[in-house]
């Protein structure tokens, strides 16, 4: 599965882990890819980041080949 990041500047091949977490710089919440890749989206709180994560998982379960990270 391919994921277009939030700022529309990079496409990730979804083959590792993606999770919702808080950043160390003051609580920004992101959906993040493993192996040192940059954040793929930053959201207002952990609830929104978790919603986005669930959307990615549902796309994956449905066999879709791509997902675009929401702007908000």
Protein backbone atom coordinates (compact mmCIF):
# COMPACT_ATOMS: atom_id res chain seq x y z
CA UNK A 1 0.00 0.00 0.00
CA UNK A 2 1.21 3.52 -0.81
CA UNK A 3 0.57 6.46 1.53
CA UNK A 4 0.78 10.07 0.35
CA UNK A 5 1.96 12.14 3.33
CA UNK A 6 0.05 15.08 4.75
CA UNK A 7 2.04 17.82 3.01
CA UNK A 8 1.77 15.94 -0.31
CA UNK A 9 5.56 15.90 -0.72
CA UNK A 10 6.34 12.21 -0.24
CA UNK A 11 4.86 8.78 -0.98
CA UNK A 12 5.59 5.97 1.46
CA UNK A 13 5.46 2.28 0.72
CA UNK A 14 3.48 0.91 3.64
CA UNK A 15 5.48 -2.08 4.71
CA UNK A 16 6.40 -1.31 8.31
CA UNK A 17 4.62 -0.08 11.39
CA UNK A 18 2.51 3.06 11.57
CA UNK A 19 1.25 4.38 14.90
CA UNK A 20 -0.25 7.38 16.68
CA UNK A 21 2.00 9.03 19.25
CA UNK A 22 2.95 12.33 20.83
CA UNK A 23 6.13 14.09 19.72
CA UNK A 24 8.73 15.20 22.23
CA UNK A 25 8.45 18.86 21.14
CA UNK A 26 5.39 19.79 23.14
CA UNK A 27 2.64 17.32 22.49
CA UNK A 28 2.00 17.37 18.74
CA UNK A 29 0.31 14.13 17.81
CA UNK A 30 1.29 12.34 14.65
CA UNK A 31 0.85 9.21 12.60
CA UNK A 32 4.41 8.00 12.11
CA UNK A 33 6.25 5.35 10.09
CA UNK A 34 9.01 3.22 11.57
CA UNK A 35 12.69 3.07 10.48
CA UNK A 36 13.44 6.76 10.94
CA UNK A 37 11.05 8.00 8.28
CA UNK A 38 9.56 11.47 8.78
CA UNK A 39 6.11 11.99 10.18
CA UNK A 40 3.39 11.31 7.67
CA UNK A 41 0.82 13.54 9.38
CA UNK A 42 0.38 15.84 12.36
CA UNK A 43 -3.00 16.24 14.01
CA UNK A 44 -4.55 18.34 16.78
CA UNK A 45 -4.77 15.53 19.34
CA UNK A 46 -4.30 11.81 19.92
CA UNK A 47 -7.96 11.09 19.17
CA UNK A 48 -7.71 12.50 15.64
CA UNK A 49 -4.40 10.72 15.02
CA UNK A 50 -6.03 7.46 16.15
CA UNK A 51 -8.96 8.04 13.78
CA UNK A 52 -6.54 8.49 10.88
CA UNK A 53 -4.70 5.34 11.91
CA UNK A 54 -7.99 3.41 11.89
CA UNK A 55 -8.77 4.78 8.42
CA UNK A 56 -5.40 3.57 7.13
CA UNK A 57 -6.04 0.13 8.62
CA UNK A 58 -9.52 -0.04 7.06
CA UNK A 59 -8.11 0.89 3.64
CA UNK A 60 -5.50 -1.85 4.07
CA UNK A 61 -8.13 -4.43 5.12
CA UNK A 62 -10.29 -3.48 2.13
CA UNK A 63 -7.37 -4.21 -0.20
CA UNK A 64 -7.00 -0.62 -1.39
CA UNK A 65 -3.63 0.23 -2.88
CA UNK A 66 -3.28 3.84 -1.70
CA UNK A 67 -4.25 6.27 1.05
CA UNK A 68 -3.90 10.06 1.23
CA UNK A 69 -3.27 11.51 4.68
CA UNK A 70 -5.98 14.01 5.65
CA UNK A 71 -4.93 17.64 5.95
CA UNK A 72 -6.64 18.00 9.36
